[in-house]
Amino acid sequence: MPIIATVACGNNSKRLEELTVMLKSAVIKSDGLPVKFLIITDSLHEEVEAILNQWKAIPKYSTIFWEIRSPVYPMLSEVLKIQRTP
C-alpha cells in the first residue's frame, strides 16, 4: 500500500484547500486501491479528518487510510547542545 506523507501548517483556508486538492488527486488516482496518508499538521486536524471521513464513505474510496499527527519540534536546549558539539 502506498503511503503519502504531507505537512500542512497554519490555520487558514488556503492551507486546507491546498492539502485537500493534493489528497483528492491521490484518492482519484488510486482508483479504489488502498492508499494511506500520513498528515502532519498543527491546526487542521478536525477539518482534514472530516473531509477524509466523507471520502471514505464513498464505496470506491473506502480503502483510504490515514494518520494525522502534530509536528514535533526539538527542545531549544537540545538544538543548542547539538550546535555546540564539535
C-alpha atoms as a PDB file:
ATOM      1  CA  MET A   1       0.000   0.000   0.000  1.00  0.00           C
ATOM      2  CA  PRO A   2       1.494   3.369  -0.942  1.00  0.00           C
ATOM      3  CA  ILE A   3       1.943   5.886   1.838  1.00  0.00           C
ATOM      4  CA  ILE A   4       1.749   9.569   1.000  1.00  0.00           C
ATOM      5  CA  ALA A   5       3.136  11.991   3.567  1.00  0.00           C
ATOM      6  CA  THR A   6       2.319  15.673   3.686  1.00  0.00           C
ATOM      7  CA  VAL A   7       2.762  18.630   6.011  1.00  0.00           C
ATOM      8  CA  ALA A   8       0.263  21.474   6.313  1.00  0.00           C
ATOM      9  CA  CYS A   9       0.900  24.084   8.969  1.00  0.00           C
ATOM     10  CA  GLY A  10      -1.056  27.225   9.608  1.00  0.00           C
ATOM     11  CA  ASN A  11      -4.717  27.605  10.386  1.00  0.00           C
ATOM     12  CA  ASN A  12      -6.130  29.118   7.245  1.00  0.00           C
ATOM     13  CA  SER A  13      -8.409  28.133   4.411  1.00  0.00           C
ATOM     14  CA  LYS A  14      -5.590  28.334   1.839  1.00  0.00           C
ATOM     15  CA  ARG A  15      -3.606  25.578   3.557  1.00  0.00           C
ATOM     16  CA  LEU A  16      -6.694  23.413   3.895  1.00  0.00           C
ATOM     17  CA  GLU A  17      -7.571  23.933   0.239  1.00  0.00           C
ATOM     18  CA  GLU A  18      -4.036  23.050  -0.918  1.00  0.00           C
ATOM     19  CA  LEU A  19      -3.997  19.932   1.224  1.00  0.00           C
ATOM     20  CA  THR A  20      -7.457  18.879   0.082  1.00  0.00           C
ATOM     21  CA  VAL A  21      -6.545  19.213  -3.602  1.00  0.00           C
ATOM     22  CA  MET A  22      -3.389  17.129  -3.141  1.00  0.00           C
ATOM     23  CA  LEU A  23      -5.183  14.404  -1.176  1.00  0.00           C
ATOM     24  CA  LYS A  24      -8.119  14.336  -3.585  1.00  0.00           C
ATOM     25  CA  SER A  25      -5.775  13.904  -6.541  1.00  0.00           C
ATOM     26  CA  ALA A  26      -4.129  10.946  -4.844  1.00  0.00           C
ATOM     27  CA  VAL A  27      -7.501   9.383  -3.950  1.00  0.00           C
ATOM     28  CA  ILE A  28      -8.763   9.701  -7.519  1.00  0.00           C
ATOM     29  CA  LYS A  29      -5.501   8.345  -8.976  1.00  0.00           C
ATOM     30  CA  SER A  30      -5.586   5.388  -6.592  1.00  0.00           C
ATOM     31  CA  ASP A  31      -8.671   4.188  -8.485  1.00  0.00           C
ATOM     32  CA  GLY A  32     -10.019   2.337  -5.471  1.00  0.00           C
ATOM     33  CA  LEU A  33      -6.721   0.719  -4.479  1.00  0.00           C
ATOM     34  CA  PRO A  34      -5.590   1.064  -0.858  1.00  0.00           C
ATOM     35  CA  VAL A  35      -3.637   4.210  -0.050  1.00  0.00           C
ATOM     36  CA  LYS A  36      -2.529   5.646   3.280  1.00  0.00           C
ATOM     37  CA  PHE A  37      -1.913   9.284   4.141  1.00  0.00           C
ATOM     38  CA  LEU A  38       0.448  10.462   6.843  1.00  0.00           C
ATOM     39  CA  ILE A  39      -0.604  14.031   7.522  1.00  0.00           C
ATOM     40  CA  ILE A  40       1.366  16.295   9.812  1.00  0.00           C
ATOM     41  CA  THR A  41      -0.498  19.446  10.773  1.00  0.00           C
ATOM     42  CA  ASP A  42      -0.507  21.825  13.678  1.00  0.00           C
ATOM     43  CA  SER A  43      -4.071  23.076  13.454  1.00  0.00           C
ATOM     44  CA  LEU A  44      -6.126  21.398  10.724  1.00  0.00           C
ATOM     45  CA  HIS A  45      -6.753  18.029  12.411  1.00  0.00           C
ATOM     46  CA  GLU A  46     -10.534  18.240  12.656  1.00  0.00           C
ATOM     47  CA  GLU A  47     -11.108  19.707   9.200  1.00  0.00           C
ATOM     48  CA  VAL A  48      -8.912  17.123   7.477  1.00  0.00           C
ATOM     49  CA  GLU A  49     -10.454  14.261   9.457  1.00  0.00           C
ATOM     50  CA  ALA A  50     -13.957  15.386   8.432  1.00  0.00           C
ATOM     51  CA  ILE A  51     -13.020  15.548   4.742  1.00  0.00           C
ATOM     52  CA  LEU A  52     -11.355  12.129   4.764  1.00  0.00           C
ATOM     53  CA  ASN A  53     -14.317  10.561   6.559  1.00  0.00           C
ATOM     54  CA  GLN A  54     -16.636  11.924   3.854  1.00  0.00           C
ATOM     55  CA  TRP A  55     -14.484  10.414   1.132  1.00  0.00           C
ATOM     56  CA  LYS A  56     -14.151   7.080   2.925  1.00  0.00           C
ATOM     57  CA  ALA A  57     -17.964   6.819   2.984  1.00  0.00           C
ATOM     58  CA  ILE A  58     -17.899   6.571  -0.823  1.00  0.00           C
ATOM     59  CA  PRO A  59     -17.600   2.831  -1.592  1.00  0.00           C
ATOM     60  CA  LYS A  60     -14.996   3.326  -4.334  1.00  0.00           C
ATOM     61  CA  TYR A  61     -12.720   5.166  -1.880  1.00  0.00           C
ATOM     62  CA  SER A  62     -13.369   3.079   1.216  1.00  0.00           C
ATOM     63  CA  THR A  63      -9.788   1.790   1.043  1.00  0.00           C
ATOM     64  CA  ILE A  64      -8.167   5.059   2.095  1.00  0.00           C
ATOM     65  CA  PHE A  65      -6.493   5.177   5.470  1.00  0.00           C
ATOM     66  CA  TRP A  66      -4.794   7.991   7.317  1.00  0.00           C
ATOM     67  CA  GLU A  67      -2.855   9.009  10.341  1.00  0.00           C
ATOM     68  CA  ILE A  68      -2.867  12.634  11.442  1.00  0.00           C
ATOM     69  CA  ARG A  69      -0.055  13.790  13.693  1.00  0.00           C
ATOM     70  CA  SER A  70       1.067  17.031  15.235  1.00  0.00           C
ATOM     71  CA  PRO A  71       4.548  18.267  14.375  1.00  0.00           C
ATOM     72  CA  VAL A  72       7.189  17.562  16.995  1.00  0.00           C
ATOM     73  CA  TYR A  73       9.910  20.122  17.442  1.00  0.00           C
ATOM     74  CA  PRO A  74      13.137  19.532  19.365  1.00  0.00           C
ATOM     75  CA  MET A  75      13.621  21.453  22.581  1.00  0.00           C
ATOM     76  CA  LEU A  76      15.685  24.587  22.024  1.00  0.00           C
ATOM     77  CA  SER A  77      18.230  23.416  24.604  1.00  0.00           C
ATOM     78  CA  GLU A  78      18.797  20.225  22.574  1.00  0.00           C
ATOM     79  CA  VAL A  79      19.285  22.213  19.367  1.00  0.00           C
ATOM     80  CA  LEU A  80      21.809  24.493  21.036  1.00  0.00           C
ATOM     81  CA  LYS A  81      23.588  21.490  22.550  1.00  0.00           C
ATOM     82  CA  ILE A  82      23.983  19.892  19.102  1.00  0.00           C
ATOM     83  CA  GLN A  83      25.311  23.155  17.646  1.00  0.00           C
ATOM     84  CA  ARG A  84      27.958  23.441  20.368  1.00  0.00           C
ATOM     85  CA  THR A  85      29.241  19.905  19.914  1.00  0.00           C
ATOM     86  CA  PRO A  86      32.439  19.901  17.782  1.00  0.00           C
END
